[in-house]
């Protein structure tokens, strides 16, 4: 049964990717569509980050080391630090907060 779900999800992802590639160029050339296409990945990533940082298994909101690490990552991004510095900096901050 699990393999049917895996194969079904794979086929669904492939068809979704194919649908995105099948959009005519004249539709993508519109300024509104181009702006939306630029902003959708950013909003989805922000939503994923928010869920991973502030949610727990029992669907309650928490403020713990993850929130502090996110704040550190935002600070490093404001300072224009390289990506690896942001990732490792946030990891170190989370580790130190959890240690304390």
PDB file of N, CA and C in Angstrom:
ATOM      1  N   UNK A   1       0.823  -1.198   0.000  1.00  0.00           N
ATOM      2  CA  UNK A   1       0.000   0.000   0.000  1.00  0.00           C
ATOM      3  C   UNK A   1       0.866   1.260   0.000  1.00  0.00           C
ATOM      4  N   UNK A   2       1.972   1.244   0.752  1.00  0.00           N
ATOM      5  CA  UNK A   2       2.819   2.436   0.828  1.00  0.00           C
ATOM      6  C   UNK A   2       3.465   2.734  -0.513  1.00  0.00           C
ATOM      7  N   UNK A   3       3.783   1.693  -1.283  1.00  0.00           N
ATOM      8  CA  UNK A   3       4.407   1.923  -2.580  1.00  0.00           C
ATOM      9  C   UNK A   3       3.439   2.576  -3.550  1.00  0.00           C
ATOM     10  N   UNK A   4       2.162   2.266  -3.427  1.00  0.00           N
ATOM     11  CA  UNK A   4       1.167   2.921  -4.281  1.00  0.00           C
ATOM     12  C   UNK A   4       1.122   4.418  -3.982  1.00  0.00           C
ATOM     13  N   UNK A   5       1.232   4.777  -2.716  1.00  0.00           N
ATOM     14  CA  UNK A   5       1.242   6.193  -2.348  1.00  0.00           C
ATOM     15  C   UNK A   5       2.501   6.879  -2.857  1.00  0.00           C
ATOM     16  N   UNK A   6       3.645   6.208  -2.766  1.00  0.00           N
ATOM     17  CA  UNK A   6       4.905   6.785  -3.239  1.00  0.00           C
ATOM     18  C   UNK A   6       4.861   6.993  -4.748  1.00  0.00           C
ATOM     19  N   UNK A   7       4.401   5.983  -5.471  1.00  0.00           N
ATOM     20  CA  UNK A   7       4.310   6.092  -6.934  1.00  0.00           C
ATOM     21  C   UNK A   7       3.281   7.152  -7.321  1.00  0.00           C
ATOM     22  N   UNK A   8       2.145   7.180  -6.636  1.00  0.00           N
ATOM     23  CA  UNK A   8       1.126   8.185  -6.918  1.00  0.00           C
ATOM     24  C   UNK A   8       1.631   9.599  -6.670  1.00  0.00           C
ATOM     25  N   UNK A   9       2.363   9.784  -5.572  1.00  0.00           N
ATOM     26  CA  UNK A   9       2.928  11.107  -5.275  1.00  0.00           C
ATOM     27  C   UNK A   9       3.967  11.492  -6.320  1.00  0.00           C
ATOM     28  N   UNK A  10       4.774  10.532  -6.754  1.00  0.00           N
ATOM     29  CA  UNK A  10       5.778  10.808  -7.785  1.00  0.00           C
ATOM     30  C   UNK A  10       5.142  11.210  -9.102  1.00  0.00           C
ATOM     31  N   UNK A  11       4.113  10.493  -9.510  1.00  0.00           N
ATOM     32  CA  UNK A  11       3.411  10.824 -10.751  1.00  0.00           C
ATOM     33  C   UNK A  11       2.744  12.188 -10.624  1.00  0.00           C
ATOM     34  N   UNK A  12       2.143  12.466  -9.464  1.00  0.00           N
ATOM     35  CA  UNK A  12       1.512  13.762  -9.250  1.00  0.00           C
ATOM     36  C   UNK A  12       2.513  14.903  -9.334  1.00  0.00           C
ATOM     37  N   UNK A  13       3.688  14.724  -8.727  1.00  0.00           N
ATOM     38  CA  UNK A  13       4.721  15.760  -8.787  1.00  0.00           C
ATOM     39  C   UNK A  13       5.206  15.966 -10.211  1.00  0.00           C
ATOM     40  N   UNK A  14       5.376  14.873 -10.950  1.00  0.00           N
ATOM     41  CA  UNK A  14       5.804  14.989 -12.339  1.00  0.00           C
ATOM     42  C   UNK A  14       4.771  15.738 -13.169  1.00  0.00           C
ATOM     43  N   UNK A  15       3.496  15.418 -12.988  1.00  0.00           N
ATOM     44  CA  UNK A  15       2.443  16.094 -13.749  1.00  0.00           C
ATOM     45  C   UNK A  15       2.340  17.570 -13.371  1.00  0.00           C
ATOM     46  N   UNK A  16       2.550  17.885 -12.095  1.00  0.00           N
ATOM     47  CA  UNK A  16       2.539  19.284 -11.680  1.00  0.00           C
ATOM     48  C   UNK A  16       3.696  20.047 -12.313  1.00  0.00           C
ATOM     49  N   UNK A  17       4.869  19.443 -12.347  1.00  0.00           N
ATOM     50  CA  UNK A  17       6.021  20.074 -12.993  1.00  0.00           C
ATOM     51  C   UNK A  17       5.759  20.243 -14.494  1.00  0.00           C
ATOM     52  N   UNK A  18       5.184  19.242 -15.119  1.00  0.00           N
ATOM     53  CA  UNK A  18       4.867  19.314 -16.545  1.00  0.00           C
ATOM     54  C   UNK A  18       3.836  20.407 -16.826  1.00  0.00           C
ATOM     55  N   UNK A  19       2.876  20.568 -15.939  1.00  0.00           N
ATOM     56  CA  UNK A  19       1.878  21.629 -16.113  1.00  0.00           C
ATOM     57  C   UNK A  19       2.537  22.998 -16.041  1.00  0.00           C
ATOM     58  N   UNK A  20       3.507  23.172 -15.143  1.00  0.00           N
ATOM     59  CA  UNK A  20       4.213  24.444 -15.046  1.00  0.00           C
ATOM     60  C   UNK A  20       5.035  24.744 -16.279  1.00  0.00           C
ATOM     61  N   UNK A  21       5.612  23.721 -16.873  1.00  0.00           N
ATOM     62  CA  UNK A  21       6.406  23.910 -18.086  1.00  0.00           C
ATOM     63  C   UNK A  21       5.537  24.104 -19.321  1.00  0.00           C
ATOM     64  N   UNK A  22       4.265  23.742 -19.230  1.00  0.00           N
ATOM     65  CA  UNK A  22       3.365  23.836 -20.375  1.00  0.00           C
ATOM     66  C   UNK A  22       2.684  25.192 -20.502  1.00  0.00           C
ATOM     67  N   UNK A  23       2.930  26.092 -19.565  1.00  0.00           N
ATOM     68  CA  UNK A  23       2.299  27.412 -19.621  1.00  0.00           C
ATOM     69  C   UNK A  23       2.894  28.182 -20.796  1.00  0.00           C
ATOM     70  N   UNK A  24       2.037  28.774 -21.645  1.00  0.00           N
ATOM     71  CA  UNK A  24       2.552  29.510 -22.806  1.00  0.00           C
ATOM     72  C   UNK A  24       3.390  30.728 -22.386  1.00  0.00           C
ATOM     73  N   UNK A  25       4.348  31.074 -23.206  1.00  0.00           N
ATOM     74  CA  UNK A  25       5.256  32.189 -22.915  1.00  0.00           C
ATOM     75  C   UNK A  25       4.506  33.512 -22.833  1.00  0.00           C
ATOM     76  N   UNK A  26       3.455  33.680 -23.609  1.00  0.00           N
ATOM     77  CA  UNK A  26       2.724  34.949 -23.586  1.00  0.00           C
ATOM     78  C   UNK A  26       2.025  35.170 -22.243  1.00  0.00           C
ATOM     79  N   UNK A  27       1.672  34.096 -21.556  1.00  0.00           N
ATOM     80  CA  UNK A  27       1.078  34.231 -20.224  1.00  0.00           C
ATOM     81  C   UNK A  27       2.140  34.658 -19.220  1.00  0.00           C
ATOM     82  N   UNK A  28       3.321  34.077 -19.311  1.00  0.00           N
ATOM     83  CA  UNK A  28       4.400  34.392 -18.382  1.00  0.00           C
ATOM     84  C   UNK A  28       4.995  35.770 -18.614  1.00  0.00           C
ATOM     85  N   UNK A  29       4.759  36.358 -19.798  1.00  0.00           N
ATOM     86  CA  UNK A  29       5.323  37.668 -20.115  1.00  0.00           C
ATOM     87  C   UNK A  29       4.533  38.809 -19.484  1.00  0.00           C
ATOM     88  N   UNK A  30       3.345  38.551 -18.987  1.00  0.00           N
ATOM     89  CA  UNK A  30       2.541  39.597 -18.359  1.00  0.00           C
ATOM     90  C   UNK A  30       3.208  40.042 -17.053  1.00  0.00           C
ATOM     91  N   UNK A  31       3.229  41.335 -16.775  1.00  0.00           N
ATOM     92  CA  UNK A  31       3.904  41.834 -15.567  1.00  0.00           C
ATOM     93  C   UNK A  31       3.295  41.303 -14.264  1.00  0.00           C
ATOM     94  N   UNK A  32       1.968  41.203 -14.201  1.00  0.00           N
ATOM     95  CA  UNK A  32       1.338  40.705 -12.978  1.00  0.00           C
ATOM     96  C   UNK A  32       1.712  39.249 -12.726  1.00  0.00           C
ATOM     97  N   UNK A  33       1.684  38.429 -13.750  1.00  0.00           N
ATOM     98  CA  UNK A  33       2.043  37.017 -13.606  1.00  0.00           C
ATOM     99  C   UNK A  33       3.510  36.879 -13.217  1.00  0.00           C
ATOM    100  N   UNK A  34       4.371  37.685 -13.818  1.00  0.00           N
ATOM    101  CA  UNK A  34       5.797  37.628 -13.479  1.00  0.00           C
ATOM    102  C   UNK A  34       6.024  38.035 -12.026  1.00  0.00           C
ATOM    103  N   UNK A  35       5.310  39.049 -11.566  1.00  0.00           N
ATOM    104  CA  UNK A  35       5.468  39.485 -10.168  1.00  0.00           C
ATOM    105  C   UNK A  35       4.976  38.411  -9.205  1.00  0.00           C
ATOM    106  N   UNK A  36       3.835  37.811  -9.510  1.00  0.00           N
ATOM    107  CA  UNK A  36       3.308  36.738  -8.657  1.00  0.00           C
ATOM    108  C   UNK A  36       4.261  35.543  -8.655  1.00  0.00           C
ATOM    109  N   UNK A  37       4.785  35.194  -9.822  1.00  0.00           N
ATOM    110  CA  UNK A  37       5.715  34.069  -9.912  1.00  0.00           C
ATOM    111  C   UNK A  37       6.992  34.337  -9.117  1.00  0.00           C
ATOM    112  N   UNK A  38       7.394  35.594  -9.009  1.00  0.00           N
ATOM    113  CA  UNK A  38       8.570  35.933  -8.208  1.00  0.00           C
ATOM    114  C   UNK A  38       8.284  35.868  -6.716  1.00  0.00           C
ATOM    115  N   UNK A  39       7.062  36.197  -6.298  1.00  0.00           N
ATOM    116  CA  UNK A  39       6.743  36.288  -4.877  1.00  0.00           C
ATOM    117  C   UNK A  39       6.223  34.990  -4.262  1.00  0.00           C
ATOM    118  N   UNK A  40       5.685  34.084  -5.058  1.00  0.00           N
ATOM    119  CA  UNK A  40       5.129  32.848  -4.511  1.00  0.00           C
ATOM    120  C   UNK A  40       6.197  31.994  -3.797  1.00  0.00           C
ATOM    121  N   UNK A  41       7.377  31.765  -4.373  1.00  0.00           N
ATOM    122  CA  UNK A  41       8.363  30.968  -3.638  1.00  0.00           C
ATOM    123  C   UNK A  41       8.788  31.599  -2.311  1.00  0.00           C
ATOM    124  N   UNK A  42       8.881  32.914  -2.279  1.00  0.00           N
ATOM    125  CA  UNK A  42       9.266  33.602  -1.041  1.00  0.00           C
ATOM    126  C   UNK A  42       8.194  33.408   0.026  1.00  0.00           C
ATOM    127  N   UNK A  43       6.939  33.553  -0.348  1.00  0.00           N
ATOM    128  CA  UNK A  43       5.866  33.390   0.631  1.00  0.00           C
ATOM    129  C   UNK A  43       5.752  31.950   1.106  1.00  0.00           C
ATOM    130  N   UNK A  44       5.943  30.989   0.224  1.00  0.00           N
ATOM    131  CA  UNK A  44       5.902  29.584   0.637  1.00  0.00           C
ATOM    132  C   UNK A  44       7.048  29.251   1.579  1.00  0.00           C
ATOM    133  N   UNK A  45       8.229  29.761   1.293  1.00  0.00           N
ATOM    134  CA  UNK A  45       9.368  29.521   2.175  1.00  0.00           C
ATOM    135  C   UNK A  45       9.144  30.164   3.541  1.00  0.00           C
ATOM    136  N   UNK A  46       8.596  31.365   3.556  1.00  0.00           N
ATOM    137  CA  UNK A  46       8.308  32.031   4.828  1.00  0.00           C
ATOM    138  C   UNK A  46       7.275  31.248   5.635  1.00  0.00           C
ATOM    139  N   UNK A  47       6.271  30.711   4.972  1.00  0.00           N
ATOM    140  CA  UNK A  47       5.266  29.911   5.674  1.00  0.00           C
ATOM    141  C   UNK A  47       5.873  28.634   6.239  1.00  0.00           C
ATOM    142  N   UNK A  48       6.726  27.971   5.475  1.00  0.00           N
ATOM    143  CA  UNK A  48       7.390  26.762   5.976  1.00  0.00           C
ATOM    144  C   UNK A  48       8.275  27.069   7.168  1.00  0.00           C
ATOM    145  N   UNK A  49       9.002  28.171   7.109  1.00  0.00           N
ATOM    146  CA  UNK A  49       9.863  28.556   8.222  1.00  0.00           C
ATOM    147  C   UNK A  49       9.023  28.840   9.462  1.00  0.00           C
ATOM    148  N   UNK A  50       7.932  29.570   9.297  1.00  0.00           N
ATOM    149  CA  UNK A  50       7.079  29.896  10.437  1.00  0.00           C
ATOM    150  C   UNK A  50       6.512  28.641  11.090  1.00  0.00           C
ATOM    151  N   UNK A  51       6.081  27.696  10.287  1.00  0.00           N
ATOM    152  CA  UNK A  51       5.527  26.460  10.838  1.00  0.00           C
ATOM    153  C   UNK A  51       6.608  25.665  11.565  1.00  0.00           C
ATOM    154  N   UNK A  52       7.789  25.571  11.002  1.00  0.00           N
ATOM    155  CA  UNK A  52       8.855  24.796  11.626  1.00  0.00           C
ATOM    156  C   UNK A  52       9.392  25.465  12.891  1.00  0.00           C
ATOM    157  N   UNK A  53       9.373  26.783  12.958  1.00  0.00           N
ATOM    158  CA  UNK A  53       9.951  27.483  14.107  1.00  0.00           C
ATOM    159  C   UNK A  53       8.963  27.590  15.260  1.00  0.00           C
ATOM    160  N   UNK A  54       7.713  27.909  14.985  1.00  0.00           N
ATOM    161  CA  UNK A  54       6.779  28.247  16.049  1.00  0.00           C
ATOM    162  C   UNK A  54       5.756  27.169  16.385  1.00  0.00           C
ATOM    163  N   UNK A  55       5.735  26.040  15.699  1.00  0.00           N
ATOM    164  CA  UNK A  55       4.733  25.005  15.959  1.00  0.00           C
ATOM    165  C   UNK A  55       5.373  23.781  16.607  1.00  0.00           C
ATOM    166  N   UNK A  56       4.557  23.047  17.349  1.00  0.00           N
ATOM    167  CA  UNK A  56       4.996  21.793  17.953  1.00  0.00           C
ATOM    168  C   UNK A  56       4.085  20.672  17.467  1.00  0.00           C
ATOM    169  N   UNK A  57       4.326  19.478  17.978  1.00  0.00           N
ATOM    170  CA  UNK A  57       3.536  18.328  17.549  1.00  0.00           C
ATOM    171  C   UNK A  57       2.075  18.421  17.974  1.00  0.00           C
ATOM    172  N   UNK A  58       1.806  19.075  19.087  1.00  0.00           N
ATOM    173  CA  UNK A  58       0.423  19.160  19.556  1.00  0.00           C
ATOM    174  C   UNK A  58      -0.280  20.435  19.085  1.00  0.00           C
ATOM    175  N   UNK A  59       0.212  21.020  18.004  1.00  0.00           N
ATOM    176  CA  UNK A  59      -0.397  22.178  17.343  1.00  0.00           C
ATOM    177  C   UNK A  59      -0.488  23.406  18.245  1.00  0.00           C
ATOM    178  N   UNK A  60       0.475  23.575  19.122  1.00  0.00           N
ATOM    179  CA  UNK A  60       0.524  24.786  19.932  1.00  0.00           C
ATOM    180  C   UNK A  60       1.738  25.612  19.518  1.00  0.00           C
ATOM    181  N   UNK A  61       1.667  26.893  19.791  1.00  0.00           N
ATOM    182  CA  UNK A  61       2.769  27.783  19.444  1.00  0.00           C
ATOM    183  C   UNK A  61       3.752  27.861  20.602  1.00  0.00           C
ATOM    184  N   UNK A  62       5.037  27.863  20.280  1.00  0.00           N
ATOM    185  CA  UNK A  62       6.072  27.927  21.310  1.00  0.00           C
ATOM    186  C   UNK A  62       7.143  28.935  20.896  1.00  0.00           C
ATOM    187  N   UNK A  63       7.809  29.473  21.885  1.00  0.00           N
ATOM    188  CA  UNK A  63       8.996  30.297  21.672  1.00  0.00           C
ATOM    189  C   UNK A  63      10.143  29.603  22.385  1.00  0.00           C
ATOM    190  N   UNK A  64      11.052  29.046  21.624  1.00  0.00           N
ATOM    191  CA  UNK A  64      12.187  28.337  22.214  1.00  0.00           C
ATOM    192  C   UNK A  64      13.453  28.720  21.455  1.00  0.00           C
ATOM    193  N   UNK A  65      14.434  27.853  21.471  1.00  0.00           N
ATOM    194  CA  UNK A  65      15.721  28.136  20.837  1.00  0.00           C
ATOM    195  C   UNK A  65      15.590  28.353  19.332  1.00  0.00           C
ATOM    196  N   UNK A  66      14.594  27.747  18.725  1.00  0.00           N
ATOM    197  CA  UNK A  66      14.416  27.930  17.287  1.00  0.00           C
ATOM    198  C   UNK A  66      14.073  29.365  16.938  1.00  0.00           C
ATOM    199  N   UNK A  67      13.246  30.009  17.770  1.00  0.00           N
ATOM    200  CA  UNK A  67      12.886  31.403  17.523  1.00  0.00           C
ATOM    201  C   UNK A  67      14.096  32.316  17.686  1.00  0.00           C
ATOM    202  N   UNK A  68      14.930  32.042  18.678  1.00  0.00           N
ATOM    203  CA  UNK A  68      16.142  32.832  18.881  1.00  0.00           C
ATOM    204  C   UNK A  68      17.097  32.638  17.707  1.00  0.00           C
ATOM    205  N   UNK A  69      17.215  31.409  17.237  1.00  0.00           N
ATOM    206  CA  UNK A  69      18.077  31.129  16.088  1.00  0.00           C
ATOM    207  C   UNK A  69      17.558  31.815  14.829  1.00  0.00           C
ATOM    208  N   UNK A  70      16.244  31.863  14.661  1.00  0.00           N
ATOM    209  CA  UNK A  70      15.669  32.575  13.518  1.00  0.00           C
ATOM    210  C   UNK A  70      15.986  34.066  13.602  1.00  0.00           C
ATOM    211  N   UNK A  71      15.886  34.631  14.797  1.00  0.00           N
ATOM    212  CA  UNK A  71      16.220  36.043  14.969  1.00  0.00           C
ATOM    213  C   UNK A  71      17.696  36.289  14.650  1.00  0.00           C
ATOM    214  N   UNK A  72      18.562  35.367  15.059  1.00  0.00           N
ATOM    215  CA  UNK A  72      19.988  35.499  14.744  1.00  0.00           C
ATOM    216  C   UNK A  72      20.220  35.410  13.237  1.00  0.00           C
ATOM    217  N   UNK A  73      19.522  34.503  12.572  1.00  0.00           N
ATOM    218  CA  UNK A  73      19.658  34.364  11.119  1.00  0.00           C
ATOM    219  C   UNK A  73      19.189  35.627  10.407  1.00  0.00           C
ATOM    220  N   UNK A  74      18.087  36.196  10.869  1.00  0.00           N
ATOM    221  CA  UNK A  74      17.597  37.441  10.266  1.00  0.00           C
ATOM    222  C   UNK A  74      18.621  38.550  10.465  1.00  0.00           C
ATOM    223  N   UNK A  75      19.199  38.622  11.661  1.00  0.00           N
ATOM    224  CA  UNK A  75      20.229  39.627  11.918  1.00  0.00           C
ATOM    225  C   UNK A  75      21.435  39.467  11.018  1.00  0.00           C
ATOM    226  N   UNK A  76      21.861  38.239  10.833  1.00  0.00           N
ATOM    227  CA  UNK A  76      22.999  37.987   9.945  1.00  0.00           C
ATOM    228  C   UNK A  76      22.657  38.328   8.495  1.00  0.00           C
ATOM    229  N   UNK A  77      21.422  38.060   8.102  1.00  0.00           N
ATOM    230  CA  UNK A  77      21.012  38.412   6.739  1.00  0.00           C
ATOM    231  C   UNK A  77      20.962  39.923   6.542  1.00  0.00           C
ATOM    232  N   UNK A  78      20.532  40.635   7.572  1.00  0.00           N
ATOM    233  CA  UNK A  78      20.521  42.097   7.482  1.00  0.00           C
ATOM    234  C   UNK A  78      21.943  42.630   7.343  1.00  0.00           C
ATOM    235  N   UNK A  79      22.886  41.967   7.996  1.00  0.00           N
ATOM    236  CA  UNK A  79      24.297  42.354   7.890  1.00  0.00           C
ATOM    237  C   UNK A  79      24.948  41.869   6.592  1.00  0.00           C
ATOM    238  N   UNK A  80      24.154  41.212   5.741  1.00  0.00           N
ATOM    239  CA  UNK A  80      24.624  40.692   4.444  1.00  0.00           C
ATOM    240  C   UNK A  80      25.718  39.633   4.587  1.00  0.00           C
ATOM    241  N   UNK A  81      25.576  38.771   5.580  1.00  0.00           N
ATOM    242  CA  UNK A  81      26.525  37.679   5.767  1.00  0.00           C
ATOM    243  C   UNK A  81      26.302  36.627   4.682  1.00  0.00           C
ATOM    244  N   UNK A  82      27.345  35.875   4.326  1.00  0.00           N
ATOM    245  CA  UNK A  82      27.168  34.785   3.357  1.00  0.00           C
ATOM    246  C   UNK A  82      26.219  33.711   3.900  1.00  0.00           C
ATOM    247  N   UNK A  83      25.633  32.954   2.984  1.00  0.00           N
ATOM    248  CA  UNK A  83      24.617  31.972   3.347  1.00  0.00           C
ATOM    249  C   UNK A  83      25.129  30.965   4.375  1.00  0.00           C
ATOM    250  N   UNK A  84      26.320  30.435   4.170  1.00  0.00           N
ATOM    251  CA  UNK A  84      26.847  29.444   5.111  1.00  0.00           C
ATOM    252  C   UNK A  84      27.073  30.045   6.489  1.00  0.00           C
ATOM    253  N   UNK A  85      27.469  31.300   6.548  1.00  0.00           N
ATOM    254  CA  UNK A  85      27.638  31.966   7.842  1.00  0.00           C
ATOM    255  C   UNK A  85      26.283  32.101   8.534  1.00  0.00           C
ATOM    256  N   UNK A  86      25.248  32.400   7.781  1.00  0.00           N
ATOM    257  CA  UNK A  86      23.903  32.516   8.349  1.00  0.00           C
ATOM    258  C   UNK A  86      23.451  31.169   8.910  1.00  0.00           C
ATOM    259  N   UNK A  87      23.627  30.108   8.137  1.00  0.00           N
ATOM    260  CA  UNK A  87      23.177  28.784   8.567  1.00  0.00           C
ATOM    261  C   UNK A  87      23.947  28.325   9.800  1.00  0.00           C
ATOM    262  N   UNK A  88      25.274  28.404   9.748  1.00  0.00           N
ATOM    263  CA  UNK A  88      26.065  27.947  10.887  1.00  0.00           C
ATOM    264  C   UNK A  88      25.896  28.869  12.091  1.00  0.00           C
ATOM    265  N   UNK A  89      25.745  30.156  11.861  1.00  0.00           N
ATOM    266  CA  UNK A  89      25.519  31.085  12.960  1.00  0.00           C
ATOM    267  C   UNK A  89      24.221  30.792  13.686  1.00  0.00           C
ATOM    268  N   UNK A  90      23.161  30.550  12.930  1.00  0.00           N
ATOM    269  CA  UNK A  90      21.876  30.214  13.547  1.00  0.00           C
ATOM    270  C   UNK A  90      21.965  28.883  14.293  1.00  0.00           C
ATOM    271  N   UNK A  91      22.677  27.921  13.737  1.00  0.00           N
ATOM    272  CA  UNK A  91      22.838  26.637  14.412  1.00  0.00           C
ATOM    273  C   UNK A  91      23.602  26.790  15.722  1.00  0.00           C
ATOM    274  N   UNK A  92      24.644  27.599  15.719  1.00  0.00           N
ATOM    275  CA  UNK A  92      25.428  27.821  16.939  1.00  0.00           C
ATOM    276  C   UNK A  92      24.575  28.540  17.982  1.00  0.00           C
ATOM    277  N   UNK A  93      23.809  29.528  17.572  1.00  0.00           N
ATOM    278  CA  UNK A  93      22.948  30.246  18.513  1.00  0.00           C
ATOM    279  C   UNK A  93      21.907  29.294  19.110  1.00  0.00           C
ATOM    280  N   UNK A  94      21.301  28.450  18.297  1.00  0.00           N
ATOM    281  CA  UNK A  94      20.316  27.481  18.808  1.00  0.00           C
ATOM    282  C   UNK A  94      20.976  26.521  19.790  1.00  0.00           C
ATOM    283  N   UNK A  95      22.184  26.055  19.477  1.00  0.00           N
ATOM    284  CA  UNK A  95      22.874  25.137  20.371  1.00  0.00           C
ATOM    285  C   UNK A  95      23.214  25.796  21.712  1.00  0.00           C
ATOM    286  N   UNK A  96      23.660  27.031  21.656  1.00  0.00           N
ATOM    287  CA  UNK A  96      24.018  27.737  22.894  1.00  0.00           C
ATOM    288  C   UNK A  96      22.774  27.994  23.743  1.00  0.00           C
ATOM    289  N   UNK A  97      21.677  28.399  23.098  1.00  0.00           N
ATOM    290  CA  UNK A  97      20.428  28.643  23.852  1.00  0.00           C
ATOM    291  C   UNK A  97      19.928  27.368  24.470  1.00  0.00           C
ATOM    292  N   UNK A  98      19.989  26.262  23.751  1.00  0.00           N
ATOM    293  CA  UNK A  98      19.542  24.976  24.314  1.00  0.00           C
ATOM    294  C   UNK A  98      20.470  24.505  25.426  1.00  0.00           C
ATOM    295  N   UNK A  99      21.727  24.836  25.313  1.00  0.00           N
ATOM    296  CA  UNK A  99      22.690  24.469  26.374  1.00  0.00           C
ATOM    297  C   UNK A  99      22.396  25.237  27.655  1.00  0.00           C
ATOM    298  N   UNK A 100      22.024  26.500  27.497  1.00  0.00           N
ATOM    299  CA  UNK A 100      21.712  27.318  28.689  1.00  0.00           C
ATOM    300  C   UNK A 100      20.357  26.937  29.243  1.00  0.00           C
TER     301      UNK A 100
END
